[in-house]
Amino acid sequence: MSVQPKKEELRKAVKWIGETRKYEPGKSNQKLVEEAALKFNLSPTDTEFLYRCLRGETDIE
């Protein structure tokens, strides 16, 4: 397992959520973020950012 910069892990999480939504459209945003946070070892701040993005409160750049 390699060590990756945190922002790279956040990018991977965003991509993973997008892919997962295609194949599991019924999965809740909360469940997606929880799984992504564990899978990509995200910080609480990054996790909250994902929640906000999925609620439409911020744009992902």
PDB file of N, CA and C in Angstrom:
ATOM      1  N   MET A   1       0.845  -1.183   0.000  1.00  0.00           N
ATOM      2  CA  MET A   1       0.000   0.000   0.000  1.00  0.00           C
ATOM      3  C   MET A   1       0.884   1.238   0.000  1.00  0.00           C
ATOM      4  N   SER A   2       0.601   2.165  -0.874  1.00  0.00           N
ATOM      5  CA  SER A   2       1.417   3.365  -0.969  1.00  0.00           C
ATOM      6  C   SER A   2       0.789   4.509  -0.183  1.00  0.00           C
ATOM      7  N   VAL A   3       1.628   5.444   0.193  1.00  0.00           N
ATOM      8  CA  VAL A   3       1.152   6.637   0.887  1.00  0.00           C
ATOM      9  C   VAL A   3       0.845   7.686  -0.165  1.00  0.00           C
ATOM     10  N   GLN A   4      -0.358   8.240  -0.128  1.00  0.00           N
ATOM     11  CA  GLN A   4      -0.780   9.227  -1.119  1.00  0.00           C
ATOM     12  C   GLN A   4      -1.104  10.529  -0.404  1.00  0.00           C
ATOM     13  N   PRO A   5      -0.870  11.646  -1.072  1.00  0.00           N
ATOM     14  CA  PRO A   5      -1.293  12.918  -0.478  1.00  0.00           C
ATOM     15  C   PRO A   5      -2.794  12.904  -0.244  1.00  0.00           C
ATOM     16  N   LYS A   6      -3.240  13.538   0.839  1.00  0.00           N
ATOM     17  CA  LYS A   6      -4.658  13.523   1.205  1.00  0.00           C
ATOM     18  C   LYS A   6      -5.558  14.025   0.087  1.00  0.00           C
ATOM     19  N   LYS A   7      -5.150  15.062  -0.619  1.00  0.00           N
ATOM     20  CA  LYS A   7      -6.012  15.601  -1.669  1.00  0.00           C
ATOM     21  C   LYS A   7      -6.199  14.592  -2.792  1.00  0.00           C
ATOM     22  N   GLU A   8      -5.196  13.780  -3.042  1.00  0.00           N
ATOM     23  CA  GLU A   8      -5.329  12.731  -4.060  1.00  0.00           C
ATOM     24  C   GLU A   8      -6.372  11.707  -3.613  1.00  0.00           C
ATOM     25  N   GLU A   9      -6.371  11.385  -2.335  1.00  0.00           N
ATOM     26  CA  GLU A   9      -7.368  10.455  -1.813  1.00  0.00           C
ATOM     27  C   GLU A   9      -8.768  11.050  -1.924  1.00  0.00           C
ATOM     28  N   LEU A  10      -8.905  12.335  -1.698  1.00  0.00           N
ATOM     29  CA  LEU A  10     -10.206  12.992  -1.836  1.00  0.00           C
ATOM     30  C   LEU A  10     -10.676  12.934  -3.292  1.00  0.00           C
ATOM     31  N   ARG A  11      -9.787  13.180  -4.223  1.00  0.00           N
ATOM     32  CA  ARG A  11     -10.142  13.085  -5.646  1.00  0.00           C
ATOM     33  C   ARG A  11     -10.612  11.674  -5.994  1.00  0.00           C
ATOM     34  N   LYS A  12      -9.901  10.684  -5.483  1.00  0.00           N
ATOM     35  CA  LYS A  12     -10.281   9.294  -5.741  1.00  0.00           C
ATOM     36  C   LYS A  12     -11.652   8.994  -5.135  1.00  0.00           C
ATOM     37  N   ALA A  13     -11.919   9.536  -3.964  1.00  0.00           N
ATOM     38  CA  ALA A  13     -13.206   9.314  -3.308  1.00  0.00           C
ATOM     39  C   ALA A  13     -14.338   9.910  -4.129  1.00  0.00           C
ATOM     40  N   VAL A  14     -14.135  11.119  -4.645  1.00  0.00           N
ATOM     41  CA  VAL A  14     -15.158  11.770  -5.479  1.00  0.00           C
ATOM     42  C   VAL A  14     -15.423  10.929  -6.718  1.00  0.00           C
ATOM     43  N   LYS A  15     -14.361  10.456  -7.349  1.00  0.00           N
ATOM     44  CA  LYS A  15     -14.507   9.620  -8.542  1.00  0.00           C
ATOM     45  C   LYS A  15     -15.227   8.315  -8.190  1.00  0.00           C
ATOM     46  N   TRP A  16     -14.853   7.701  -7.071  1.00  0.00           N
ATOM     47  CA  TRP A  16     -15.473   6.453  -6.649  1.00  0.00           C
ATOM     48  C   TRP A  16     -16.972   6.644  -6.376  1.00  0.00           C
ATOM     49  N   ILE A  17     -17.330   7.747  -5.724  1.00  0.00           N
ATOM     50  CA  ILE A  17     -18.742   8.022  -5.456  1.00  0.00           C
ATOM     51  C   ILE A  17     -19.506   8.156  -6.766  1.00  0.00           C
ATOM     52  N   GLY A  18     -18.942   8.876  -7.720  1.00  0.00           N
ATOM     53  CA  GLY A  18     -19.596   9.026  -9.020  1.00  0.00           C
ATOM     54  C   GLY A  18     -19.815   7.700  -9.714  1.00  0.00           C
ATOM     55  N   GLU A  19     -18.806   6.849  -9.693  1.00  0.00           N
ATOM     56  CA  GLU A  19     -18.915   5.522 -10.313  1.00  0.00           C
ATOM     57  C   GLU A  19     -19.940   4.658  -9.581  1.00  0.00           C
ATOM     58  N   THR A  20     -19.891   4.685  -8.276  1.00  0.00           N
ATOM     59  CA  THR A  20     -20.794   3.854  -7.475  1.00  0.00           C
ATOM     60  C   THR A  20     -22.241   4.286  -7.673  1.00  0.00           C
ATOM     61  N   ARG A  21     -22.482   5.580  -7.811  1.00  0.00           N
ATOM     62  CA  ARG A  21     -23.850   6.073  -8.024  1.00  0.00           C
ATOM     63  C   ARG A  21     -24.434   5.534  -9.330  1.00  0.00           C
ATOM     64  N   LYS A  22     -23.586   5.324 -10.331  1.00  0.00           N
ATOM     65  CA  LYS A  22     -24.053   4.777 -11.607  1.00  0.00           C
ATOM     66  C   LYS A  22     -24.580   3.361 -11.444  1.00  0.00           C
ATOM     67  N   TYR A  23     -23.862   2.561 -10.649  1.00  0.00           N
ATOM     68  CA  TYR A  23     -24.173   1.146 -10.529  1.00  0.00           C
ATOM     69  C   TYR A  23     -25.075   0.813  -9.345  1.00  0.00           C
ATOM     70  N   GLU A  24     -25.169   1.736  -8.404  1.00  0.00           N
ATOM     71  CA  GLU A  24     -26.026   1.533  -7.234  1.00  0.00           C
ATOM     72  C   GLU A  24     -26.818   2.818  -6.979  1.00  0.00           C
ATOM     73  N   PRO A  25     -27.726   3.163  -7.891  1.00  0.00           N
ATOM     74  CA  PRO A  25     -28.421   4.456  -7.791  1.00  0.00           C
ATOM     75  C   PRO A  25     -29.302   4.605  -6.553  1.00  0.00           C
ATOM     76  N   GLY A  26     -29.676   3.523  -5.918  1.00  0.00           N
ATOM     77  CA  GLY A  26     -30.524   3.606  -4.734  1.00  0.00           C
ATOM     78  C   GLY A  26     -29.764   3.843  -3.439  1.00  0.00           C
ATOM     79  N   LYS A  27     -28.441   3.787  -3.502  1.00  0.00           N
ATOM     80  CA  LYS A  27     -27.636   3.942  -2.288  1.00  0.00           C
ATOM     81  C   LYS A  27     -27.683   5.396  -1.829  1.00  0.00           C
ATOM     82  N   SER A  28     -27.898   5.617  -0.548  1.00  0.00           N
ATOM     83  CA  SER A  28     -28.008   6.982  -0.015  1.00  0.00           C
ATOM     84  C   SER A  28     -26.662   7.699  -0.042  1.00  0.00           C
ATOM     85  N   ASN A  29     -26.733   9.025  -0.092  1.00  0.00           N
ATOM     86  CA  ASN A  29     -25.517   9.830  -0.059  1.00  0.00           C
ATOM     87  C   ASN A  29     -24.740   9.586   1.224  1.00  0.00           C
ATOM     88  N   GLN A  30     -25.449   9.437   2.329  1.00  0.00           N
ATOM     89  CA  GLN A  30     -24.785   9.195   3.604  1.00  0.00           C
ATOM     90  C   GLN A  30     -23.972   7.907   3.547  1.00  0.00           C
ATOM     91  N   LYS A  31     -24.559   6.858   3.014  1.00  0.00           N
ATOM     92  CA  LYS A  31     -23.869   5.574   2.920  1.00  0.00           C
ATOM     93  C   LYS A  31     -22.659   5.673   1.980  1.00  0.00           C
ATOM     94  N   LEU A  32     -22.834   6.373   0.863  1.00  0.00           N
ATOM     95  CA  LEU A  32     -21.721   6.558  -0.072  1.00  0.00           C
ATOM     96  C   LEU A  32     -20.550   7.272   0.585  1.00  0.00           C
ATOM     97  N   VAL A  33     -20.847   8.350   1.310  1.00  0.00           N
ATOM     98  CA  VAL A  33     -19.780   9.118   1.961  1.00  0.00           C
ATOM     99  C   VAL A  33     -19.121   8.288   3.059  1.00  0.00           C
ATOM    100  N   GLU A  34     -19.909   7.575   3.843  1.00  0.00           N
ATOM    101  CA  GLU A  34     -19.341   6.734   4.899  1.00  0.00           C
ATOM    102  C   GLU A  34     -18.389   5.694   4.314  1.00  0.00           C
ATOM    103  N   GLU A  35     -18.816   5.043   3.247  1.00  0.00           N
ATOM    104  CA  GLU A  35     -17.973   4.027   2.613  1.00  0.00           C
ATOM    105  C   GLU A  35     -16.718   4.650   2.013  1.00  0.00           C
ATOM    106  N   ALA A  36     -16.857   5.797   1.368  1.00  0.00           N
ATOM    107  CA  ALA A  36     -15.705   6.474   0.774  1.00  0.00           C
ATOM    108  C   ALA A  36     -14.717   6.911   1.850  1.00  0.00           C
ATOM    109  N   ALA A  37     -15.225   7.419   2.963  1.00  0.00           N
ATOM    110  CA  ALA A  37     -14.351   7.868   4.052  1.00  0.00           C
ATOM    111  C   ALA A  37     -13.499   6.720   4.579  1.00  0.00           C
ATOM    112  N   LEU A  38     -14.108   5.557   4.713  1.00  0.00           N
ATOM    113  CA  LEU A  38     -13.353   4.384   5.180  1.00  0.00           C
ATOM    114  C   LEU A  38     -12.397   3.865   4.119  1.00  0.00           C
ATOM    115  N   LYS A  39     -12.896   3.755   2.901  1.00  0.00           N
ATOM    116  CA  LYS A  39     -12.100   3.203   1.795  1.00  0.00           C
ATOM    117  C   LYS A  39     -10.859   4.039   1.499  1.00  0.00           C
ATOM    118  N   PHE A  40     -11.007   5.375   1.571  1.00  0.00           N
ATOM    119  CA  PHE A  40      -9.906   6.258   1.198  1.00  0.00           C
ATOM    120  C   PHE A  40      -9.264   6.953   2.395  1.00  0.00           C
ATOM    121  N   ASN A  41      -9.629   6.516   3.614  1.00  0.00           N
ATOM    122  CA  ASN A  41      -9.021   7.041   4.833  1.00  0.00           C
ATOM    123  C   ASN A  41      -9.078   8.574   4.889  1.00  0.00           C
ATOM    124  N   LEU A  42     -10.283   9.109   4.703  1.00  0.00           N
ATOM    125  CA  LEU A  42     -10.455  10.558   4.658  1.00  0.00           C
ATOM    126  C   LEU A  42     -10.533  11.156   6.053  1.00  0.00           C
ATOM    127  N   SER A  43     -10.090  12.384   6.154  1.00  0.00           N
ATOM    128  CA  SER A  43     -10.188  13.113   7.411  1.00  0.00           C
ATOM    129  C   SER A  43     -11.638  13.539   7.638  1.00  0.00           C
ATOM    130  N   PRO A  44     -11.992  13.905   8.860  1.00  0.00           N
ATOM    131  CA  PRO A  44     -13.343  14.420   9.105  1.00  0.00           C
ATOM    132  C   PRO A  44     -13.672  15.642   8.250  1.00  0.00           C
ATOM    133  N   THR A  45     -12.699  16.498   8.013  1.00  0.00           N
ATOM    134  CA  THR A  45     -12.914  17.680   7.175  1.00  0.00           C
ATOM    135  C   THR A  45     -13.230  17.283   5.745  1.00  0.00           C
ATOM    136  N   ASP A  46     -12.483  16.334   5.203  1.00  0.00           N
ATOM    137  CA  ASP A  46     -12.744  15.863   3.839  1.00  0.00           C
ATOM    138  C   ASP A  46     -14.097  15.164   3.746  1.00  0.00           C
ATOM    139  N   THR A  47     -14.437  14.423   4.786  1.00  0.00           N
ATOM    140  CA  THR A  47     -15.725  13.738   4.815  1.00  0.00           C
ATOM    141  C   THR A  47     -16.867  14.754   4.814  1.00  0.00           C
ATOM    142  N   GLU A  48     -16.741  15.783   5.623  1.00  0.00           N
ATOM    143  CA  GLU A  48     -17.771  16.837   5.655  1.00  0.00           C
ATOM    144  C   GLU A  48     -17.854  17.545   4.301  1.00  0.00           C
ATOM    145  N   PHE A  49     -16.729  17.744   3.636  1.00  0.00           N
ATOM    146  CA  PHE A  49     -16.712  18.355   2.310  1.00  0.00           C
ATOM    147  C   PHE A  49     -17.534  17.507   1.332  1.00  0.00           C
ATOM    148  N   LEU A  50     -17.363  16.197   1.390  1.00  0.00           N
ATOM    149  CA  LEU A  50     -18.135  15.321   0.508  1.00  0.00           C
ATOM    150  C   LEU A  50     -19.631  15.429   0.791  1.00  0.00           C
ATOM    151  N   TYR A  51     -20.006  15.430   2.064  1.00  0.00           N
ATOM    152  CA  TYR A  51     -21.419  15.603   2.418  1.00  0.00           C
ATOM    153  C   TYR A  51     -21.960  16.907   1.828  1.00  0.00           C
ATOM    154  N   ARG A  52     -21.209  17.986   1.994  1.00  0.00           N
ATOM    155  CA  ARG A  52     -21.656  19.290   1.489  1.00  0.00           C
ATOM    156  C   ARG A  52     -21.772  19.283  -0.030  1.00  0.00           C
ATOM    157  N   CYS A  53     -20.850  18.642  -0.698  1.00  0.00           N
ATOM    158  CA  CYS A  53     -20.906  18.565  -2.163  1.00  0.00           C
ATOM    159  C   CYS A  53     -22.151  17.806  -2.624  1.00  0.00           C
ATOM    160  N   LEU A  54     -22.435  16.715  -1.974  1.00  0.00           N
ATOM    161  CA  LEU A  54     -23.582  15.912  -2.371  1.00  0.00           C
ATOM    162  C   LEU A  54     -24.905  16.595  -2.048  1.00  0.00           C
ATOM    163  N   ARG A  55     -24.896  17.493  -1.086  1.00  0.00           N
ATOM    164  CA  ARG A  55     -26.090  18.273  -0.776  1.00  0.00           C
ATOM    165  C   ARG A  55     -26.184  19.510  -1.671  1.00  0.00           C
ATOM    166  N   GLY A  56     -25.159  19.747  -2.478  1.00  0.00           N
ATOM    167  CA  GLY A  56     -25.176  20.878  -3.399  1.00  0.00           C
ATOM    168  C   GLY A  56     -24.777  22.194  -2.769  1.00  0.00           C
ATOM    169  N   GLU A  57     -24.110  22.156  -1.620  1.00  0.00           N
ATOM    170  CA  GLU A  57     -23.717  23.379  -0.944  1.00  0.00           C
ATOM    171  C   GLU A  57     -22.392  23.927  -1.444  1.00  0.00           C
ATOM    172  N   THR A  58     -21.662  23.144  -2.202  1.00  0.00           N
ATOM    173  CA  THR A  58     -20.381  23.601  -2.734  1.00  0.00           C
ATOM    174  C   THR A  58     -20.133  22.881  -4.064  1.00  0.00           C
ATOM    175  N   ASP A  59     -19.265  23.428  -4.875  1.00  0.00           N
ATOM    176  CA  ASP A  59     -18.905  22.824  -6.151  1.00  0.00           C
ATOM    177  C   ASP A  59     -17.611  22.047  -5.994  1.00  0.00           C
ATOM    178  N   ILE A  60     -17.510  20.943  -6.686  1.00  0.00           N
ATOM    179  CA  ILE A  60     -16.259  20.184  -6.724  1.00  0.00           C
ATOM    180  C   ILE A  60     -15.470  20.691  -7.912  1.00  0.00           C
ATOM    181  N   GLU A  61     -14.255  21.098  -7.637  1.00  0.00           N
ATOM    182  CA  GLU A  61     -13.400  21.616  -8.723  1.00  0.00           C
ATOM    183  C   GLU A  61     -12.423  20.573  -9.161  1.00  0.00           C
TER     184      GLU A  61
END
